[in-house]
C-alpha atoms as a PDB file:
ATOM      1  CA  MET A   1     150.779 175.645 150.378  1.00  0.00           C
ATOM      2  CA  HIS A   2     149.061 173.363 152.810  1.00  0.00           C
ATOM      3  CA  ASP A   3     145.797 175.255 152.360  1.00  0.00           C
ATOM      4  CA  GLY A   4     145.929 174.811 148.578  1.00  0.00           C
ATOM      5  CA  ARG A   5     146.495 171.053 148.794  1.00  0.00           C
ATOM      6  CA  ARG A   6     143.583 170.648 151.232  1.00  0.00           C
ATOM      7  CA  ARG A   7     141.300 172.466 148.873  1.00  0.00           C
ATOM      8  CA  CYS A   8     142.303 170.220 145.950  1.00  0.00           C
ATOM      9  CA  CYS A   9     141.623 167.086 147.988  1.00  0.00           C
ATOM     10  CA  ASP A  10     138.253 168.461 149.121  1.00  0.00           C
ATOM     11  CA  ASP A  11     137.320 169.201 145.458  1.00  0.00           C
ATOM     12  CA  ARG A  12     138.188 165.632 144.373  1.00  0.00           C
ATOM     13  CA  VAL A  13     136.106 164.176 147.227  1.00  0.00           C
ATOM     14  CA  VAL A  14     133.169 166.398 146.297  1.00  0.00           C
ATOM     15  CA  SER A  15     133.418 165.474 142.587  1.00  0.00           C
ATOM     16  CA  GLU A  16     133.557 161.730 143.339  1.00  0.00           C
ATOM     17  CA  SER A  17     130.563 161.948 145.649  1.00  0.00           C
ATOM     18  CA  THR A  18     128.506 163.820 143.032  1.00  0.00           C
ATOM     19  CA  ASP A  19     129.162 161.206 140.181  1.00  0.00           C
ATOM     20  CA  PRO A  20     126.209 158.840 139.420  1.00  0.00           C
ATOM     21  CA  ALA A  21     126.394 155.381 140.959  1.00  0.00           C
ATOM     22  CA  GLU A  22     127.713 152.745 138.607  1.00  0.00           C
ATOM     23  CA  PRO A  23     126.203 149.300 138.659  1.00  0.00           C
ATOM     24  CA  THR A  24     128.076 146.880 140.730  1.00  0.00           C
ATOM     25  CA  ALA A  25     127.801 143.972 138.277  1.00  0.00           C
ATOM     26  CA  THR A  26     126.896 143.659 134.595  1.00  0.00           C
ATOM     27  CA  PRO A  27     124.332 141.041 133.640  1.00  0.00           C
ATOM     28  CA  ALA A  28     125.804 137.911 132.125  1.00  0.00           C
ATOM     29  CA  ARG A  29     125.395 137.539 128.375  1.00  0.00           C
ATOM     30  CA  PRO A  30     124.603 134.287 126.807  1.00  0.00           C
ATOM     31  CA  GLN A  31     127.488 132.428 125.208  1.00  0.00           C
ATOM     32  CA  ASP A  32     125.928 132.204 121.743  1.00  0.00           C
ATOM     33  CA  GLY A  33     125.380 135.958 121.651  1.00  0.00           C
ATOM     34  CA  GLY A  34     121.542 135.672 121.216  1.00  0.00           C
ATOM     35  CA  ALA A  35     118.594 135.926 123.453  1.00  0.00           C
ATOM     36  CA  THR A  36     117.785 133.010 125.744  1.00  0.00           C
ATOM     37  CA  ALA A  37     115.031 130.755 124.298  1.00  0.00           C
ATOM     38  CA  VAL A  38     112.168 129.907 126.620  1.00  0.00           C
ATOM     39  CA  ALA A  39     110.651 126.436 126.043  1.00  0.00           C
ATOM     40  CA  GLU A  40     106.984 126.732 125.421  1.00  0.00           C
ATOM     41  CA  PRO A  41     104.744 123.846 126.511  1.00  0.00           C
ATOM     42  CA  LYS A  42     103.434 121.751 123.616  1.00  0.00           C
ATOM     43  CA  PRO A  43      99.655 121.747 123.227  1.00  0.00           C
ATOM     44  CA  PRO A  44      98.049 118.402 124.067  1.00  0.00           C
ATOM     45  CA  LYS A  45      97.188 116.188 121.076  1.00  0.00           C
ATOM     46  CA  SER A  46      93.487 115.983 120.385  1.00  0.00           C
ATOM     47  CA  PRO A  47      92.245 112.391 120.455  1.00  0.00           C
ATOM     48  CA  LYS A  48      91.382 110.895 117.098  1.00  0.00           C
ATOM     49  CA  PRO A  49      87.693 110.392 116.507  1.00  0.00           C
ATOM     50  CA  PRO A  50      86.662 106.729 116.567  1.00  0.00           C
ATOM     51  CA  ARG A  51      86.065 105.156 113.165  1.00  0.00           C
ATOM     52  CA  VAL A  52      82.424 104.502 112.571  1.00  0.00           C
ATOM     53  CA  LYS A  53      81.711 101.492 110.399  1.00  0.00           C
ATOM     54  CA  LYS A  54      79.159 102.001 107.646  1.00  0.00           C
ATOM     55  CA  PRO A  55      75.993 100.003 108.357  1.00  0.00           C
ATOM     56  CA  ALA A  56      75.418  97.153 105.972  1.00  0.00           C
ATOM     57  CA  THR A  57      72.818  97.559 103.305  1.00  0.00           C
ATOM     58  CA  PRO A  58      69.716  95.328 103.415  1.00  0.00           C
ATOM     59  CA  GLU A  59      70.950  93.485 100.361  1.00  0.00           C
ATOM     60  CA  GLN A  60      74.265  92.634 102.022  1.00  0.00           C
ATOM     61  CA  VAL A  61      72.490  91.515 105.198  1.00  0.00           C
ATOM     62  CA  GLU A  62      70.151  89.285 103.209  1.00  0.00           C
ATOM     63  CA  ARG A  63      73.006  87.829 101.224  1.00  0.00           C
ATOM     64  CA  ARG A  64      75.013  87.014 104.376  1.00  0.00           C
ATOM     65  CA  ALA A  65      71.982  85.400 105.935  1.00  0.00           C
ATOM     66  CA  ALA A  66      71.352  83.346 102.858  1.00  0.00           C
ATOM     67  CA  VAL A  67      74.979  82.092 102.805  1.00  0.00           C
ATOM     68  CA  ILE A  68      74.829  81.261 106.484  1.00  0.00           C
ATOM     69  CA  ARG A  69      71.536  79.352 106.082  1.00  0.00           C
ATOM     70  CA  PHE A  70      72.842  77.395 103.134  1.00  0.00           C
ATOM     71  CA  THR A  71      76.093  76.556 104.951  1.00  0.00           C
ATOM     72  CA  VAL A  72      74.146  75.331 108.029  1.00  0.00           C
ATOM     73  CA  PHE A  73      72.005  73.096 105.808  1.00  0.00           C
ATOM     74  CA  VAL A  74      74.971  71.593 104.078  1.00  0.00           C
ATOM     75  CA  VAL A  75      76.773  70.883 107.385  1.00  0.00           C
ATOM     76  CA  VAL A  76      73.671  69.328 108.936  1.00  0.00           C
ATOM     77  CA  GLY A  77      73.119  67.211 105.875  1.00  0.00           C
ATOM     78  CA  ALA A  78      76.707  65.995 105.914  1.00  0.00           C
ATOM     79  CA  LEU A  79      76.571  65.142 109.612  1.00  0.00           C
ATOM     80  CA  LEU A  80      73.374  63.155 109.168  1.00  0.00           C
ATOM     81  CA  THR A  81      74.878  61.338 106.256  1.00  0.00           C
ATOM     82  CA  VAL A  82      77.996  60.373 108.184  1.00  0.00           C
ATOM     83  CA  LEU A  83      75.902  59.273 111.196  1.00  0.00           C
ATOM     84  CA  LEU A  84      73.743  57.066 108.966  1.00  0.00           C
ATOM     85  CA  TYR A  85      76.848  55.519 107.455  1.00  0.00           C
ATOM     86  CA  PHE A  86      78.327  54.567 110.818  1.00  0.00           C
ATOM     87  CA  LEU A  87      74.986  53.145 112.032  1.00  0.00           C
ATOM     88  CA  LEU A  88      74.544  50.924 108.980  1.00  0.00           C
ATOM     89  CA  SER A  89      78.195  49.988 108.311  1.00  0.00           C
ATOM     90  CA  ALA A  90      77.809  46.615 110.000  1.00  0.00           C
ATOM     91  CA  LEU A  91      74.987  45.364 107.815  1.00  0.00           C
ATOM     92  CA  ILE A  92      74.893  47.348 104.592  1.00  0.00           C
ATOM     93  CA  PRO A  93      78.282  46.233 103.001  1.00  0.00           C
ATOM     94  CA  ARG A  94      77.267  42.597 102.626  1.00  0.00           C
ATOM     95  CA  TRP A  95      73.771  43.372 101.359  1.00  0.00           C
ATOM     96  CA  TRP A  96      74.956  46.004  98.879  1.00  0.00           C
ATOM     97  CA  SER A  97      77.825  43.966  97.467  1.00  0.00           C
ATOM     98  CA  GLN A  98      75.532  41.020  96.789  1.00  0.00           C
ATOM     99  CA  ALA A  99      72.952  43.309  95.152  1.00  0.00           C
ATOM    100  CA  VAL A 100      75.604  44.814  92.858  1.00  0.00           C
ATOM    101  CA  ALA A 101      77.025  41.372  92.110  1.00  0.00           C
ATOM    102  CA  ARG A 102      73.599  40.194  90.911  1.00  0.00           C
ATOM    103  CA  GLN A 103      73.338  43.190  88.560  1.00  0.00           C
ATOM    104  CA  VAL A 104      76.869  42.936  87.123  1.00  0.00           C
ATOM    105  CA  GLY A 105      77.037  39.171  86.977  1.00  0.00           C
ATOM    106  CA  GLY A 106      80.851  39.078  86.798  1.00  0.00           C
ATOM    107  CA  ARG A 107      81.138  41.034  83.489  1.00  0.00           C
ATOM    108  CA  ILE A 108      83.661  43.853  83.318  1.00  0.00           C
ATOM    109  CA  SER A 109      81.658  45.856  80.766  1.00  0.00           C
ATOM    110  CA  ALA A 110      78.579  45.653  82.930  1.00  0.00           C
ATOM    111  CA  GLY A 111      80.626  46.703  85.971  1.00  0.00           C
ATOM    112  CA  ILE A 112      81.848  49.812  84.156  1.00  0.00           C
ATOM    113  CA  VAL A 113      78.467  50.867  82.850  1.00  0.00           C
ATOM    114  CA  ILE A 114      76.574  50.260  86.116  1.00  0.00           C
ATOM    115  CA  GLY A 115      79.355  51.915  88.138  1.00  0.00           C
ATOM    116  CA  LEU A 116      79.325  55.056  85.981  1.00  0.00           C
ATOM    117  CA  LEU A 117      75.534  55.184  86.157  1.00  0.00           C
ATOM    118  CA  TYR A 118      75.397  54.851  89.926  1.00  0.00           C
ATOM    119  CA  GLY A 119      78.211  57.352  90.487  1.00  0.00           C
ATOM    120  CA  PHE A 120      76.835  59.986  88.117  1.00  0.00           C
ATOM    121  CA  VAL A 121      73.122  59.790  88.967  1.00  0.00           C
ATOM    122  CA  PHE A 122      73.483  59.572  92.762  1.00  0.00           C
ATOM    123  CA  THR A 123      75.886  62.509  92.824  1.00  0.00           C
ATOM    124  CA  PHE A 124      74.150  64.792  90.336  1.00  0.00           C
ATOM    125  CA  LEU A 125      70.699  64.399  91.814  1.00  0.00           C
ATOM    126  CA  PRO A 126      71.599  65.039  95.457  1.00  0.00           C
ATOM    127  CA  LEU A 127      73.473  68.226  94.607  1.00  0.00           C
ATOM    128  CA  ILE A 128      70.643  69.513  92.379  1.00  0.00           C
ATOM    129  CA  VAL A 129      68.115  68.767  95.167  1.00  0.00           C
ATOM    130  CA  LEU A 130      70.319  70.366  97.795  1.00  0.00           C
ATOM    131  CA  ALA A 131      70.666  73.535  95.714  1.00  0.00           C
ATOM    132  CA  GLN A 132      66.889  74.074  95.929  1.00  0.00           C
ATOM    133  CA  ALA A 133      67.211  74.840  99.625  1.00  0.00           C
ATOM    134  CA  ARG A 134      68.669  78.275  98.766  1.00  0.00           C
ATOM    135  CA  HIS A 135      65.281  79.553  97.508  1.00  0.00           C
ATOM    136  CA  ARG A 136      63.463  81.927  99.811  1.00  0.00           C
ATOM    137  CA  ALA A 137      60.086  80.457  98.874  1.00  0.00           C
ATOM    138  CA  PHE A 138      60.701  77.353 100.975  1.00  0.00           C
ATOM    139  CA  SER A 139      60.105  77.458 104.709  1.00  0.00           C
ATOM    140  CA  TRP A 140      62.558  76.023 107.256  1.00  0.00           C
ATOM    141  CA  PRO A 141      60.753  72.679 107.624  1.00  0.00           C
ATOM    142  CA  ALA A 142      60.618  72.341 103.800  1.00  0.00           C
ATOM    143  CA  LYS A 143      64.330  73.060 103.627  1.00  0.00           C
ATOM    144  CA  ALA A 144      65.044  70.408 106.238  1.00  0.00           C
ATOM    145  CA  ILE A 145      63.070  67.878 104.213  1.00  0.00           C
ATOM    146  CA  ILE A 146      65.087  68.851 101.109  1.00  0.00           C
ATOM    147  CA  VAL A 147      68.353  68.208 102.947  1.00  0.00           C
ATOM    148  CA  LEU A 148      67.122  64.818 104.174  1.00  0.00           C
ATOM    149  CA  VAL A 149      66.082  63.846 100.661  1.00  0.00           C
ATOM    150  CA  ALA A 150      69.456  64.907  99.259  1.00  0.00           C
ATOM    151  CA  ALA A 151      71.235  62.871 101.916  1.00  0.00           C
ATOM    152  CA  ALA A 152      69.084  59.825 101.169  1.00  0.00           C
ATOM    153  CA  LEU A 153      69.916  60.026  97.446  1.00  0.00           C
ATOM    154  CA  THR A 154      73.617  59.707  98.132  1.00  0.00           C
ATOM    155  CA  ALA A 155      73.053  56.258  99.822  1.00  0.00           C
ATOM    156  CA  PRO A 156      74.285  54.019  96.873  1.00  0.00           C
ATOM    157  CA  ASN A 157      77.535  55.898  96.558  1.00  0.00           C
ATOM    158  CA  LEU A 158      78.026  55.982 100.336  1.00  0.00           C
ATOM    159  CA  MET A 159      77.505  52.216 100.529  1.00  0.00           C
ATOM    160  CA  THR A 160      80.057  51.624  97.791  1.00  0.00           C
ATOM    161  CA  LEU A 161      82.452  53.974  99.611  1.00  0.00           C
ATOM    162  CA  GLY A 162      81.942  52.126 102.897  1.00  0.00           C
ATOM    163  CA  ILE A 163      82.953  48.855 101.106  1.00  0.00           C
ATOM    164  CA  ALA A 164      86.001  50.383  99.451  1.00  0.00           C
ATOM    165  CA  VAL A 165      87.542  52.139 102.468  1.00  0.00           C
ATOM    166  CA  GLY A 166      86.043  50.202 105.391  1.00  0.00           C
ATOM    167  CA  ASN A 167      88.185  48.071 107.715  1.00  0.00           C
ATOM    168  CA  GLY A 168      85.472  46.002 109.357  1.00  0.00           C
ATOM    169  CA  ALA A 169      84.601  42.403 108.670  1.00  0.00           C
ATOM    170  CA  ALA A 170      81.494  43.338 106.689  1.00  0.00           C
ATOM    171  CA  ALA A 171      83.497  45.716 104.456  1.00  0.00           C
ATOM    172  CA  ARG A 172      86.195  43.094 103.777  1.00  0.00           C
ATOM    173  CA  ALA A 173      83.559  40.557 102.831  1.00  0.00           C
ATOM    174  CA  GLY A 174      81.890  43.064 100.490  1.00  0.00           C
ATOM    175  CA  ASN A 175      85.271  43.863  98.909  1.00  0.00           C
ATOM    176  CA  ARG A 176      85.829  40.148  98.122  1.00  0.00           C
ATOM    177  CA  THR A 177      82.343  39.887  96.594  1.00  0.00           C
ATOM    178  CA  LEU A 178      82.877  42.924  94.369  1.00  0.00           C
ATOM    179  CA  ASP A 179      86.348  41.697  93.294  1.00  0.00           C
ATOM    180  CA  VAL A 180      84.881  38.479  92.003  1.00  0.00           C
ATOM    181  CA  MET A 181      81.354  39.261  90.973  1.00  0.00           C
ATOM    182  CA  ALA A 182      81.496  43.036  90.030  1.00  0.00           C
ATOM    183  CA  PRO A 183      84.914  43.834  88.556  1.00  0.00           C
ATOM    184  CA  ALA A 184      85.649  47.522  87.710  1.00  0.00           C
ATOM    185  CA  PHE A 185      82.492  48.634  89.516  1.00  0.00           C
ATOM    186  CA  ARG A 186      84.220  50.664  92.279  1.00  0.00           C
ATOM    187  CA  GLN A 187      86.593  52.478  89.873  1.00  0.00           C
ATOM    188  CA  ALA A 188      83.737  53.294  87.499  1.00  0.00           C
ATOM    189  CA  THR A 189      81.688  54.580  90.416  1.00  0.00           C
ATOM    190  CA  LEU A 190      84.485  56.993  91.370  1.00  0.00           C
ATOM    191  CA  TRP A 191      84.620  58.444  87.878  1.00  0.00           C
ATOM    192  CA  GLY A 192      80.850  58.747  87.838  1.00  0.00           C
ATOM    193  CA  VAL A 193      80.976  60.698  91.103  1.00  0.00           C
ATOM    194  CA  VAL A 194      83.498  63.156  89.643  1.00  0.00           C
ATOM    195  CA  LEU A 195      81.459  63.651  86.448  1.00  0.00           C
ATOM    196  CA  GLY A 196      78.191  64.031  88.388  1.00  0.00           C
ATOM    197  CA  ALA A 197      79.668  66.679  90.661  1.00  0.00           C
ATOM    198  CA  VAL A 198      81.060  68.675  87.757  1.00  0.00           C
ATOM    199  CA  ALA A 199      77.791  68.537  85.899  1.00  0.00           C
ATOM    200  CA  ALA A 200      75.810  69.569  88.966  1.00  0.00           C
ATOM    201  CA  VAL A 201      78.094  72.540  89.599  1.00  0.00           C
ATOM    202  CA  VAL A 202      77.619  73.674  85.979  1.00  0.00           C
ATOM    203  CA  VAL A 203      73.820  73.315  86.124  1.00  0.00           C
ATOM    204  CA  VAL A 204      73.490  75.122  89.484  1.00  0.00           C
ATOM    205  CA  THR A 205      75.802  77.993  88.326  1.00  0.00           C
ATOM    206  CA  PHE A 206      73.837  78.412  85.076  1.00  0.00           C
ATOM    207  CA  SER A 207      70.561  78.400  87.068  1.00  0.00           C
ATOM    208  CA  ILE A 208      71.803  81.096  89.467  1.00  0.00           C
ATOM    209  CA  LEU A 209      72.933  83.289  86.583  1.00  0.00           C
ATOM    210  CA  TRP A 210      69.667  82.778  84.711  1.00  0.00           C
ATOM    211  CA  GLU A 211      67.580  83.717  87.769  1.00  0.00           C
ATOM    212  CA  ARG A 212      69.680  86.844  88.334  1.00  0.00           C
ATOM    213  CA  ARG A 213      69.261  87.860  84.672  1.00  0.00           C
ATOM    214  CA  SER A 214      65.543  87.297  84.879  1.00  0.00           C
ATOM    215  CA  ARG A 215      65.237  89.534  87.911  1.00  0.00           C
ATOM    216  CA  GLU A 216      67.246  92.285  86.184  1.00  0.00           C
ATOM    217  CA  LEU A 217      64.998  92.057  83.118  1.00  0.00           C
ATOM    218  CA  LYS A 218      61.854  92.317  85.216  1.00  0.00           C
ATOM    219  CA  LEU A 219      63.269  95.370  87.004  1.00  0.00           C
ATOM    220  CA  LEU A 220      64.179  97.065  83.696  1.00  0.00           C
ATOM    221  CA  ARG A 221      60.750  96.351  82.252  1.00  0.00           C
ATOM    222  CA  ALA A 222      59.090  97.808  85.353  1.00  0.00           C
ATOM    223  CA  GLN A 223      61.251 100.979  85.062  1.00  0.00           C
ATOM    224  CA  VAL A 224      60.448 101.288  81.309  1.00  0.00           C
ATOM    225  CA  ASP A 225      56.726 100.961  82.011  1.00  0.00           C
ATOM    226  CA  GLN A 226      56.919 103.617  84.743  1.00  0.00           C
ATOM    227  CA  LEU A 227      58.772 106.028  82.393  1.00  0.00           C
ATOM    228  CA  GLN A 228      56.179 105.499  79.708  1.00  0.00           C
ATOM    229  CA  LYS A 229      53.459 106.399  82.209  1.00  0.00           C
ATOM    230  CA  ASP A 230      55.266 109.464  83.509  1.00  0.00           C
ATOM    231  CA  LEU A 231      56.462 111.035  80.224  1.00  0.00           C
ATOM    232  CA  PRO A 232      53.997 112.650  77.852  1.00  0.00           C
ATOM    233  CA  PRO A 233      53.634 111.136  74.379  1.00  0.00           C
ATOM    234  CA  ALA A 234      56.304 112.379  71.903  1.00  0.00           C
ATOM    235  CA  LEU A 235      53.834 112.988  69.002  1.00  0.00           C
ATOM    236  CA  PRO A 236      50.320 114.308  69.331  1.00  0.00           C
ATOM    237  CA  VAL A 237      47.622 111.866  68.666  1.00  0.00           C
ATOM    238  CA  ALA A 238      45.647 112.686  65.524  1.00  0.00           C
ATOM    239  CA  LYS A 239      41.992 113.318  66.245  1.00  0.00           C
ATOM    240  CA  ASP A 240      39.281 111.913  64.024  1.00  0.00           C
ATOM    241  CA  PRO A 241      37.637 114.610  61.883  1.00  0.00           C
ATOM    242  CA  PRO A 242      34.143 115.595  62.906  1.00  0.00           C
ATOM    243  CA  PRO A 243      31.428 113.997  60.876  1.00  0.00           C
ATOM    244  CA  ALA A 244      30.085 116.109  57.961  1.00  0.00           C
END
């Protein structure tokens, strides 16, 4: 009996020792039941190429230069005009008011007519003369002379303006003279200035459009002449019959 039990125990020990080894621990499964995701590094963003501005065409460059030149001339002319006004503001009001008073002679109708005439003429002419400075045919010294001439042509209206808005003793004396000897002259001058400016703008605008149209017509005529030279004649030219 004891021998049989010992053999059974030995057989169990031998069978347990011959079984393959089981893993000690099972790998942990993810909670969501899927494979674990590995975060991949994001590729670096490529820098944006710098924006390259298109170069300006020669026509645009010339147009900008013309606008800048014209603006400079206008500003210089205005500054010279203002400087001249301040230099002569002490003497001119008395002299100009007396000169206008002699022309008007105290009549309202004469004051209206002369005021409109002065305001219109000496606003229209300076603007027309100043507009000539935009032409490329004139050199810089010639353009400077044009600006000075335009500034000088505004002198009558500037003298009237100095009397109307001035606060000095000379301006007050000129105001009293115009009130008595040249009634309605200052108001008529203001209306003449407005009408002269409007007329000058219309004339200069029409002149610019006319010059542009003339250039376009010349260009079209040149293109037509070139096409006529390049293309063969549409119909053959009849030859003269040989003499009998």
